[in-house]
C-alpha atoms as a PDB file:
ATOM      1  CA  SER A   1      91.404 120.800 121.633  1.00  0.00           C
ATOM      2  CA  HIS A   2      88.184 120.247 123.921  1.00  0.00           C
ATOM      3  CA  TRP A   3      86.898 117.013 124.509  1.00  0.00           C
ATOM      4  CA  THR A   4      83.160 117.749 124.288  1.00  0.00           C
ATOM      5  CA  ALA A   5      81.045 115.575 125.921  1.00  0.00           C
ATOM      6  CA  VAL A   6      79.653 113.993 122.154  1.00  0.00           C
ATOM      7  CA  ASP A   7      83.100 113.382 121.524  1.00  0.00           C
ATOM      8  CA  LYS A   8      83.622 111.511 124.794  1.00  0.00           C
ATOM      9  CA  TRP A   9      80.443 109.299 124.026  1.00  0.00           C
ATOM     10  CA  CYS A  10      81.410 108.563 121.110  1.00  0.00           C
ATOM     11  CA  THR A  11      84.583 107.368 121.721  1.00  0.00           C
ATOM     12  CA  ALA A  12      83.703 105.784 124.786  1.00  0.00           C
ATOM     13  CA  ILE A  13      80.742 103.893 122.212  1.00  0.00           C
ATOM     14  CA  ALA A  14      84.005 102.883 119.775  1.00  0.00           C
ATOM     15  CA  LEU A  15      86.669 101.563 121.734  1.00  0.00           C
ATOM     16  CA  LEU A  16      83.802  99.158 123.435  1.00  0.00           C
ATOM     17  CA  GLY A  17      82.333  98.187 120.254  1.00  0.00           C
ATOM     18  CA  ILE A  18      86.146  96.916 119.548  1.00  0.00           C
ATOM     19  CA  VAL A  19      86.480  95.424 123.158  1.00  0.00           C
ATOM     20  CA  LEU A  20      82.987  93.469 121.999  1.00  0.00           C
ATOM     21  CA  TRP A  21      84.217  92.863 118.426  1.00  0.00           C
ATOM     22  CA  GLN A  22      87.596  91.029 120.000  1.00  0.00           C
ATOM     23  CA  ILE A  23      85.345  89.000 122.245  1.00  0.00           C
ATOM     24  CA  VAL A  24      82.517  87.882 119.958  1.00  0.00           C
ATOM     25  CA  ASP A  25      85.110  87.074 117.070  1.00  0.00           C
ATOM     26  CA  ARG A  26      86.381  83.955 119.168  1.00  0.00           C
ATOM     27  CA  LEU A  27      83.255  82.846 119.226  1.00  0.00           C
ATOM     28  CA  PRO A  28      81.435  79.625 117.540  1.00  0.00           C
ATOM     29  CA  GLU A  29      78.795  79.643 114.949  1.00  0.00           C
ATOM     30  CA  MET A  30      75.132  80.911 116.377  1.00  0.00           C
ATOM     31  CA  PRO A  31      71.644  80.936 115.857  1.00  0.00           C
ATOM     32  CA  PHE A  32      70.058  82.291 112.343  1.00  0.00           C
ATOM     33  CA  GLY A  33      74.161  81.705 110.608  1.00  0.00           C
ATOM     34  CA  LEU A  34      75.912  83.590 112.673  1.00  0.00           C
ATOM     35  CA  ASN A  35      79.159  83.758 113.774  1.00  0.00           C
ATOM     36  CA  GLY A  36      81.396  85.429 115.990  1.00  0.00           C
ATOM     37  CA  VAL A  37      83.054  86.927 112.323  1.00  0.00           C
ATOM     38  CA  MET A  38      80.284  88.250 111.371  1.00  0.00           C
ATOM     39  CA  ILE A  39      79.050  90.133 114.595  1.00  0.00           C
ATOM     40  CA  GLY A  40      83.110  91.076 115.115  1.00  0.00           C
ATOM     41  CA  VAL A  41      83.090  92.777 111.449  1.00  0.00           C
ATOM     42  CA  GLY A  42      79.344  94.434 112.348  1.00  0.00           C
ATOM     43  CA  LEU A  43      80.725  95.772 115.526  1.00  0.00           C
ATOM     44  CA  ALA A  44      83.428  97.145 113.944  1.00  0.00           C
ATOM     45  CA  GLN A  45      81.289  98.982 111.126  1.00  0.00           C
ATOM     46  CA  VAL A  46      79.268  99.881 114.060  1.00  0.00           C
ATOM     47  CA  SER A  47      82.212 101.668 116.156  1.00  0.00           C
ATOM     48  CA  GLY A  48      83.244 103.320 113.178  1.00  0.00           C
ATOM     49  CA  LEU A  49      80.163 105.509 112.255  1.00  0.00           C
ATOM     50  CA  ILE A  50      79.717 106.398 115.706  1.00  0.00           C
ATOM     51  CA  GLY A  51      83.355 107.477 115.907  1.00  0.00           C
ATOM     52  CA  THR A  52      82.348 109.417 112.733  1.00  0.00           C
ATOM     53  CA  VAL A  53      79.726 111.355 114.516  1.00  0.00           C
ATOM     54  CA  PRO A  54      82.037 113.806 115.904  1.00  0.00           C
ATOM     55  CA  MET A  55      83.947 114.480 112.987  1.00  0.00           C
ATOM     56  CA  TRP A  56      80.637 115.068 111.087  1.00  0.00           C
ATOM     57  CA  LYS A  57      79.900 117.652 113.893  1.00  0.00           C
ATOM     58  CA  HIS A  58      82.752 119.769 113.733  1.00  0.00           C
ATOM     59  CA  VAL A  59      82.227 119.585 109.984  1.00  0.00           C
ATOM     60  CA  TRP A  60      78.990 120.826 110.618  1.00  0.00           C
ATOM     61  CA  ASN A  61      80.341 123.342 112.733  1.00  0.00           C
ATOM     62  CA  ASN A  62      83.258 124.546 111.011  1.00  0.00           C
ATOM     63  CA  PRO A  63      82.761 123.037 106.952  1.00  0.00           C
ATOM     64  CA  TYR A  64      85.872 124.845 105.777  1.00  0.00           C
ATOM     65  CA  ASP A  65      88.166 123.588 108.013  1.00  0.00           C
ATOM     66  CA  GLU A  66      88.392 120.354 106.270  1.00  0.00           C
ATOM     67  CA  SER A  67      89.882 119.870 102.129  1.00  0.00           C
ATOM     68  CA  SER A  68      87.549 119.991  99.938  1.00  0.00           C
ATOM     69  CA  HIS A  69      89.354 117.984  97.804  1.00  0.00           C
ATOM     70  CA  ALA A  70      90.615 115.347  99.652  1.00  0.00           C
ATOM     71  CA  TRP A  71      87.299 114.369 100.748  1.00  0.00           C
ATOM     72  CA  THR A  72      85.761 114.894  97.102  1.00  0.00           C
ATOM     73  CA  ILE A  73      88.834 112.183  96.098  1.00  0.00           C
ATOM     74  CA  TRP A  74      88.167 109.720  98.940  1.00  0.00           C
ATOM     75  CA  ALA A  75      84.424 110.053  98.601  1.00  0.00           C
ATOM     76  CA  TRP A  76      84.821 108.796  94.892  1.00  0.00           C
ATOM     77  CA  SER A  77      87.733 106.381  95.745  1.00  0.00           C
ATOM     78  CA  THR A  78      84.991 104.695  97.877  1.00  0.00           C
ATOM     79  CA  ILE A  79      82.789 103.254  95.086  1.00  0.00           C
ATOM     80  CA  GLY A  80      86.116 101.295  93.958  1.00  0.00           C
ATOM     81  CA  GLY A  81      86.216  99.705  97.142  1.00  0.00           C
ATOM     82  CA  LEU A  82      82.512  98.790  96.683  1.00  0.00           C
ATOM     83  CA  LEU A  83      83.314  97.472  93.083  1.00  0.00           C
ATOM     84  CA  ALA A  84      86.027  95.354  94.311  1.00  0.00           C
ATOM     85  CA  VAL A  85      83.719  93.441  96.178  1.00  0.00           C
ATOM     86  CA  SER A  86      84.128  90.384  94.521  1.00  0.00           C
ATOM     87  CA  GLU A  87      81.098  88.024  96.632  1.00  0.00           C
ATOM     88  CA  TRP A  88      78.551  90.563  98.181  1.00  0.00           C
ATOM     89  CA  THR A  89      78.318  89.061 101.583  1.00  0.00           C
ATOM     90  CA  PHE A  90      77.925  90.785 105.076  1.00  0.00           C
ATOM     91  CA  VAL A  91      82.059  90.088 105.737  1.00  0.00           C
ATOM     92  CA  ASN A  92      82.922  91.259 102.880  1.00  0.00           C
ATOM     93  CA  ALA A  93      80.803  94.367 101.832  1.00  0.00           C
ATOM     94  CA  ALA A  94      80.742  95.600 105.204  1.00  0.00           C
ATOM     95  CA  ALA A  95      83.769  98.059 105.323  1.00  0.00           C
ATOM     96  CA  PRO A  96      83.551  99.316 101.979  1.00  0.00           C
ATOM     97  CA  VAL A  97      79.871 100.235 102.745  1.00  0.00           C
ATOM     98  CA  THR A  98      80.751 101.770 105.830  1.00  0.00           C
ATOM     99  CA  PHE A  99      83.416 103.877 104.137  1.00  0.00           C
ATOM    100  CA  PHE A 100      80.985 104.805 101.223  1.00  0.00           C
ATOM    101  CA  ILE A 101      78.407 106.152 103.598  1.00  0.00           C
ATOM    102  CA  ILE A 102      81.028 107.773 105.954  1.00  0.00           C
ATOM    103  CA  GLU A 103      83.204 109.567 103.507  1.00  0.00           C
ATOM    104  CA  TRP A 104      79.915 110.569 101.054  1.00  0.00           C
ATOM    105  CA  ASN A 105      77.760 111.528 104.322  1.00  0.00           C
ATOM    106  CA  THR A 106      80.989 114.168 105.407  1.00  0.00           C
ATOM    107  CA  CYS A 107      81.211 115.236 101.406  1.00  0.00           C
ATOM    108  CA  TRP A 108      77.587 116.414 101.755  1.00  0.00           C
ATOM    109  CA  ILE A 109      77.614 117.524 104.974  1.00  0.00           C
ATOM    110  CA  MET A 110      80.868 120.065 104.027  1.00  0.00           C
ATOM    111  CA  PHE A 111      79.133 121.130 100.842  1.00  0.00           C
ATOM    112  CA  TYR A 112      76.343 121.736 102.271  1.00  0.00           C
ATOM    113  CA  ARG A 113      77.184 123.928 104.804  1.00  0.00           C
ATOM    114  CA  ARG A 114      79.436 125.590 102.520  1.00  0.00           C
ATOM    115  CA  LYS A 115      76.541 126.568 100.503  1.00  0.00           C
ATOM    116  CA  THR A 116      74.585 127.794 103.736  1.00  0.00           C
ATOM    117  CA  THR A 117      77.322 129.696 106.168  1.00  0.00           C
ATOM    118  CA  PRO A 118      79.749 132.359 105.097  1.00  0.00           C
ATOM    119  CA  PRO A 119      83.525 131.583 104.930  1.00  0.00           C
ATOM    120  CA  PRO A 120      85.288 132.866 107.440  1.00  0.00           C
ATOM    121  CA  LYS A 121      86.788 136.291 107.662  1.00  0.00           C
ATOM    122  CA  THR A 122      90.903 136.580 107.485  1.00  0.00           C
ATOM    123  CA  SER A 123      92.442 139.041 109.087  1.00  0.00           C
END
């Protein structure tokens, strides 16, 4: 498949975030109570969100390419992830919150576009 400029930029930024995460993960305590782990987790989540943008673009343009059943099940499963957070710290909650945002937004985009876009014609 063809990579668009958005695909390339989002992939590059996501990869940069992963590299920075590996660098800052080894840093000692910093001002404001921050540490390398917190910054690394934040960078990892931002990288994941940025890396999702091309998929959201694809779902917006082609809402029937994805399985609505699979995405709905996955989205509902993220609530279990949120409920499983035993201590609501940034490090503990960042990934479940990020997954919740990604999956529910994907479902919203897909179902909204399916309501506003006719299904593709089959031959």
